[in-house]
Protein backbone atom coordinates (compact mmCIF):
# COMPACT_ATOMS: atom_id res chain seq x y z
CA MET A 1 78.89 152.70 18.46
CA ARG A 2 81.31 151.64 16.12
CA PHE A 3 82.81 147.81 16.66
CA GLU A 4 85.52 145.48 14.66
CA PHE A 5 86.41 142.01 14.28
CA ILE A 6 88.70 139.69 11.89
CA ALA A 7 86.63 136.86 10.38
CA ASP A 8 88.84 133.48 11.72
CA GLU A 9 86.13 131.61 9.90
CA HIS A 10 84.62 130.98 6.39
CA VAL A 11 80.96 131.54 7.70
CA LYS A 12 78.21 133.75 7.20
CA VAL A 13 78.35 137.38 9.03
CA LYS A 14 75.36 136.41 11.67
CA THR A 15 77.00 133.20 12.17
CA PHE A 16 80.39 134.86 12.87
CA LEU A 17 78.83 137.90 14.44
CA LYS A 18 76.98 135.19 16.82
CA LYS A 19 80.43 133.97 18.36
CA HIS A 20 80.52 137.89 19.08
CA GLU A 21 77.24 138.27 20.81
CA VAL A 22 75.77 139.78 18.20
CA SER A 23 71.70 138.68 18.67
CA LYS A 24 69.09 138.52 16.32
CA GLY A 25 67.63 141.54 17.65
CA LEU A 26 70.94 143.86 17.44
CA LEU A 27 71.40 142.68 13.88
CA ALA A 28 67.75 143.61 12.93
CA LYS A 29 68.53 147.09 14.61
CA ILE A 30 71.84 147.41 12.54
CA LYS A 31 69.77 146.96 9.56
CA PHE A 32 66.63 148.98 10.21
CA ARG A 33 67.79 151.71 12.65
CA GLY A 34 70.33 153.29 10.48
CA GLY A 35 73.20 150.91 11.50
CA ALA A 36 75.79 149.46 9.39
CA ILE A 37 77.61 146.03 8.23
CA LEU A 38 80.94 146.40 6.53
CA VAL A 39 83.38 143.69 5.51
CA ASN A 40 86.73 145.12 4.32
CA ASP A 41 84.84 148.85 4.50
CA GLN A 42 82.17 147.62 1.65
CA PRO A 43 78.57 147.43 3.15
CA GLN A 44 77.16 143.91 3.25
CA ASN A 45 74.58 142.01 4.53
CA ALA A 46 74.14 139.33 7.42
CA THR A 47 73.92 136.44 4.83
CA TYR A 48 77.48 137.53 3.21
CA LEU A 49 79.56 134.60 3.24
CA LEU A 50 83.07 135.48 4.69
CA ASP A 51 86.85 134.74 4.42
CA ILE A 52 89.24 134.14 6.71
CA GLY A 53 91.37 137.85 7.77
CA ASP A 54 88.14 139.47 6.43
CA HIS A 55 87.74 142.90 8.47
CA VAL A 56 84.10 143.10 9.94
CA THR A 57 83.17 146.27 10.94
CA ILE A 58 79.55 146.65 12.69
CA ASP A 59 78.10 150.33 13.21
CA ILE A 60 75.78 150.43 16.14
CA PRO A 61 72.48 153.23 16.19
CA ALA A 62 72.26 155.37 19.16
CA GLU A 63 69.98 154.52 21.73
CA GLU A 64 67.31 156.84 23.13
CA GLY A 65 66.45 156.72 26.25
CA PHE A 66 62.75 155.39 27.35
CA GLU A 67 60.56 158.57 27.31
CA THR A 68 59.14 156.96 30.76
CA LEU A 69 61.99 157.16 32.45
CA GLU A 70 62.70 161.09 34.00
CA ALA A 71 65.65 162.35 34.27
CA ILE A 72 66.78 163.27 37.55
CA GLU A 73 70.13 165.10 38.36
CA ARG A 74 72.16 163.57 41.28
CA PRO A 75 75.71 163.35 42.74
CA LEU A 76 76.77 159.55 42.10
CA ASP A 77 79.84 158.15 43.61
CA ILE A 78 80.93 156.81 40.15
CA LEU A 79 83.88 154.74 40.85
CA TYR A 80 84.38 153.09 37.26
CA GLU A 81 83.81 154.36 33.57
CA ASP A 82 84.88 154.10 30.36
CA ASP A 83 82.42 153.83 26.52
CA HIS A 84 81.35 150.39 27.82
CA PHE A 85 80.40 150.22 31.10
CA LEU A 86 80.12 152.10 34.66
CA VAL A 87 80.18 150.96 38.46
CA LEU A 88 78.62 152.99 41.07
CA ASN A 89 78.23 152.76 44.67
CA LYS A 90 75.28 152.83 45.79
CA PRO A 91 73.49 154.68 49.07
CA TYR A 92 71.57 152.66 51.09
CA GLY A 93 67.98 153.86 51.09
CA VAL A 94 67.77 154.78 47.47
CA ALA A 95 65.83 152.10 45.06
CA SER A 96 67.36 150.62 41.96
CA ILE A 97 64.40 150.68 39.63
CA PRO A 98 61.21 153.15 39.77
CA SER A 99 57.96 151.32 41.03
CA VAL A 100 54.47 152.59 42.23
CA ASN A 101 56.03 153.18 45.71
CA HIS A 102 59.40 154.48 44.23
CA SER A 103 60.51 157.38 41.97
CA ASN A 104 63.82 158.95 42.93
CA THR A 105 65.64 156.01 42.33
CA ILE A 106 69.28 155.57 40.70
CA ALA A 107 67.92 154.26 37.22
CA ASN A 108 66.58 158.24 37.33
CA PHE A 109 69.82 159.48 38.65
CA ILE A 110 71.65 157.51 35.88
CA LYS A 111 69.66 159.01 33.25
CA GLY A 112 70.27 162.33 34.64
CA TYR A 113 73.63 161.70 34.78
CA TYR A 114 73.86 160.54 30.77
CA VAL A 115 71.53 163.63 29.71
CA LYS A 116 73.74 166.15 31.70
CA LYS A 117 76.87 164.14 30.25
CA ASN A 118 75.03 164.51 26.68
CA TYR A 119 75.84 160.98 25.74
CA GLU A 120 74.78 159.41 22.63
CA ASN A 121 73.23 156.17 24.52
CA GLN A 122 70.68 157.18 26.83
CA GLN A 123 69.31 154.31 28.23
CA VAL A 124 69.71 152.76 31.29
CA HIS A 125 71.08 149.27 31.27
CA ILE A 126 70.94 147.63 34.95
CA VAL A 127 73.21 144.60 35.02
CA THR A 128 73.75 144.01 38.75
CA ARG A 129 70.59 145.42 41.24
CA LEU A 130 70.33 146.00 44.71
CA ASP A 131 67.75 146.42 47.03
CA ARG A 132 66.46 149.45 48.17
CA ASP A 133 68.47 149.52 51.72
CA THR A 134 71.62 147.40 50.39
CA SER A 135 74.08 149.41 49.77
CA GLY A 136 77.64 149.25 47.54
CA LEU A 137 78.77 148.16 43.93
CA MET A 138 76.35 148.50 41.10
CA LEU A 139 77.08 147.30 37.50
CA PHE A 140 75.46 149.20 34.29
CA ALA A 141 76.26 148.57 30.47
CA LYS A 142 76.02 151.76 28.56
CA HIS A 143 74.65 150.51 25.30
CA GLY A 144 72.85 147.27 24.51
CA TYR A 145 76.05 145.22 23.14
CA ALA A 146 77.89 145.62 26.30
CA HIS A 147 74.80 144.25 28.00
CA ALA A 148 74.15 141.40 26.04
CA ARG A 149 78.17 140.72 26.64
CA LEU A 150 77.99 140.94 30.58
CA ASP A 151 74.50 138.81 30.42
CA LYS A 152 76.34 136.09 28.75
CA GLN A 153 78.66 136.20 31.96
CA LEU A 154 75.39 136.16 34.11
CA GLN A 155 74.11 133.26 33.00
CA LYS A 156 77.57 131.55 33.23
CA LYS A 157 77.50 133.11 36.76
CA SER A 158 81.36 134.33 36.20
CA ILE A 159 80.51 137.86 37.05
CA GLU A 160 81.22 137.54 41.22
CA LYS A 161 79.59 139.99 44.24
CA ARG A 162 80.67 139.93 47.34
CA TYR A 163 78.89 141.34 50.55
CA PHE A 164 79.59 142.34 54.00
CA ALA A 165 76.80 142.13 56.20
CA LEU A 166 76.82 142.59 60.52
CA VAL A 167 74.52 139.77 61.32
CA LYS A 168 73.81 138.99 65.43
CA GLY A 169 72.97 135.50 67.08
CA ASP A 170 73.14 133.93 70.36
CA GLY A 171 74.94 130.56 69.28
CA TYR A 172 77.45 129.90 68.06
CA LEU A 173 78.74 130.85 64.35
CA GLU A 174 81.31 128.92 62.46
CA SER A 175 84.35 130.82 60.95
CA LYS A 176 83.27 129.97 57.50
CA GLY A 177 80.63 128.08 55.94
CA GLU A 178 78.29 126.93 53.10
CA ILE A 179 74.19 127.71 53.79
CA ILE A 180 72.94 125.12 51.01
CA ALA A 181 68.92 125.47 51.77
CA PRO A 182 65.66 126.07 49.53
CA ILE A 183 63.93 129.03 49.38
CA ALA A 184 60.17 129.66 48.58
CA ARG A 185 57.90 132.57 48.43
CA ASP A 186 55.84 132.91 52.34
CA GLU A 187 52.63 131.61 51.67
CA ASP A 188 51.06 134.40 53.49
CA SER A 189 53.35 137.01 51.98
CA ILE A 190 54.13 138.58 48.18
CA ILE A 191 57.06 139.68 50.17
CA ILE A 192 58.60 137.64 52.19
CA ARG A 193 60.60 134.64 51.43
CA ARG A 194 61.45 131.47 54.06
CA VAL A 195 63.26 127.96 53.62
CA ALA A 196 61.06 125.56 52.52
CA LYS A 197 61.11 122.20 51.41
CA GLY A 198 60.14 122.31 47.07
CA GLY A 199 61.67 125.99 46.92
CA LYS A 200 64.39 127.04 44.55
CA TYR A 201 67.91 125.93 45.30
CA ALA A 202 70.06 128.48 46.73
CA HIS A 203 73.88 128.26 47.72
CA THR A 204 75.83 130.93 50.50
CA SER A 205 79.48 130.65 51.48
CA TYR A 206 80.24 133.28 54.01
CA LYS A 207 83.56 133.59 56.55
CA ILE A 208 83.79 135.87 59.59
CA VAL A 209 86.46 138.91 59.36
CA ALA A 210 85.46 140.17 63.12
CA SER A 211 83.59 139.81 65.49
CA TYR A 212 82.42 141.90 68.37
CA GLY A 213 80.39 139.57 70.84
CA ASN A 214 77.68 138.16 69.51
CA ILE A 215 77.80 140.73 66.43
CA HIS A 216 79.72 139.35 63.60
CA LEU A 217 81.21 141.27 60.07
CA VAL A 218 80.99 138.64 57.56
CA ASP A 219 82.27 138.38 53.92
CA ILE A 220 79.69 136.44 51.88
CA ARG A 221 79.80 135.18 48.49
CA LEU A 222 76.30 133.95 46.60
CA HIS A 223 76.11 130.91 43.85
CA THR A 224 72.90 131.96 43.79
CA GLY A 225 70.85 134.61 43.33
CA ARG A 226 67.40 134.08 44.99
CA THR A 227 65.48 137.38 45.97
CA HIS A 228 66.58 138.18 49.22
CA GLN A 229 68.47 135.14 49.84
CA ILE A 230 71.64 136.55 51.82
CA ARG A 231 68.61 137.99 54.26
CA VAL A 232 66.64 134.36 54.65
CA HIS A 233 69.97 131.84 54.65
CA PHE A 234 71.20 134.04 57.65
CA SER A 235 67.94 133.92 59.59
CA HIS A 236 67.46 130.41 58.93
CA ILE A 237 70.79 129.81 60.56
CA GLY A 238 69.58 131.79 63.50
CA PHE A 239 72.38 135.20 62.59
CA PRO A 240 70.01 137.86 60.98
CA LEU A 241 71.29 140.89 59.26
CA LEU A 242 71.08 143.64 61.85
CA GLY A 243 68.22 145.96 61.14
CA ASP A 244 66.62 143.59 59.32
CA ASP A 245 63.70 143.34 61.05
CA LEU A 246 61.45 141.64 58.50
CA TYR A 247 63.77 138.42 59.08
CA GLY A 248 63.69 138.69 62.68
CA GLY A 249 67.06 140.90 62.83
CA SER A 250 67.97 143.50 65.67
CA LEU A 251 66.87 147.21 65.30
CA ASP A 252 68.94 147.78 69.16
CA ASP A 253 72.61 147.91 68.12
CA GLY A 254 72.01 151.68 65.79
CA ILE A 255 71.29 150.51 62.69
CA GLN A 256 68.17 151.12 60.84
CA ARG A 257 68.47 149.12 57.62
CA GLN A 258 69.52 145.72 56.81
CA ALA A 259 73.13 145.45 57.23
CA LEU A 260 74.09 144.39 53.99
CA HIS A 261 76.79 146.10 51.61
CA CYS A 262 78.51 144.96 47.73
CA HIS A 263 82.01 145.25 48.45
CA TYR A 264 83.28 143.46 45.73
CA LEU A 265 82.66 143.29 41.65
CA SER A 266 84.81 141.42 39.21
CA PHE A 267 83.77 140.59 35.46
CA TYR A 268 85.30 140.11 32.40
CA HIS A 269 85.49 143.56 29.97
CA PRO A 270 85.19 141.83 26.80
CA PHE A 271 86.23 145.04 24.77
CA LEU A 272 89.03 145.23 27.19
CA GLU A 273 89.81 141.81 26.77
CA GLN A 274 90.86 141.78 30.72
CA ASP A 275 89.24 140.77 34.13
CA LEU A 276 88.38 144.14 35.87
CA GLN A 277 88.32 144.32 40.36
CA LEU A 278 86.52 146.78 41.80
CA GLU A 279 86.11 147.54 46.09
CA SER A 280 83.76 149.55 47.65
CA PRO A 281 84.90 150.63 51.44
CA LEU A 282 82.45 150.27 54.59
CA PRO A 283 79.66 152.57 54.84
CA ASP A 284 79.28 155.02 57.25
CA ASP A 285 77.04 153.06 59.43
CA PHE A 286 79.23 149.70 59.28
CA SER A 287 81.83 151.69 60.56
CA ASN A 288 80.55 153.78 63.13
CA LEU A 289 79.29 150.37 64.93
CA ILE A 290 82.21 148.68 64.22
CA THR A 291 84.33 151.79 65.91
CA GLN A 292 81.64 151.76 68.84
CA LEU A 293 81.82 148.13 69.16
CA SER A 294 85.58 147.73 69.29
CA THR A 295 85.73 150.52 71.75
CA ASN A 296 83.37 148.72 73.77
CA THR A 297 85.40 145.54 73.65
CA LEU A 298 88.59 147.06 74.51
């Protein structure tokens, strides 16, 4: 895969490319795995001294997929795809990556899709991951350089994700609010998290979209990315997610998984040099329950 730049400084190639988030590891890959660095169409090395206006080209060698990741063909709801990124609408009940307990995962399905399409790069790069029972938008980079560019955005917290959740509680929920409470691992579990003094800083914003008695559809934005953050925070304020029995959520309202859906994703596309915003509609279990609740309140 080829990328081209115009030098705007009198510096070494490696210094110039670092500004464009080309890492030392990627430069090593270019050098030792069949790639190339060209300056004004002539082969050069990473220490070559550029003049302003030089035309710099890097050819990145193709990535082979991990042999341990099995390619499995499954239908995918792909909402966006180009040469660099792919965004899909993940169903609930499917894990993002393989583990001891999960083998038919989104990563396997993406690998199957790449193989079927005979893509040059077949390594799966997950940029934003979702829990097994969370549905919605997942972002993938289609090559290592694209992944590195978005990793920088993740570090700067400039990739925005928003979630819909259905929550239920007996008290009063403000129409919008900020939940700022530290999260730590529960002392008696390797899975469960809890709000605890001394935990890691965690910040969640929300606003109510619609209310149906004591059940609310809320639009949520994360400012930090702690494990189970949304689930823990809403349980902490007395409004656990429907279906989330791990954190006290009701299983009596027709939803049998944590009622959480990533409905909005925005990021800066570094190769198109523009912002992208993508949205995912409410999943069927949300829509069916909302229709039922709306009918009951008429």
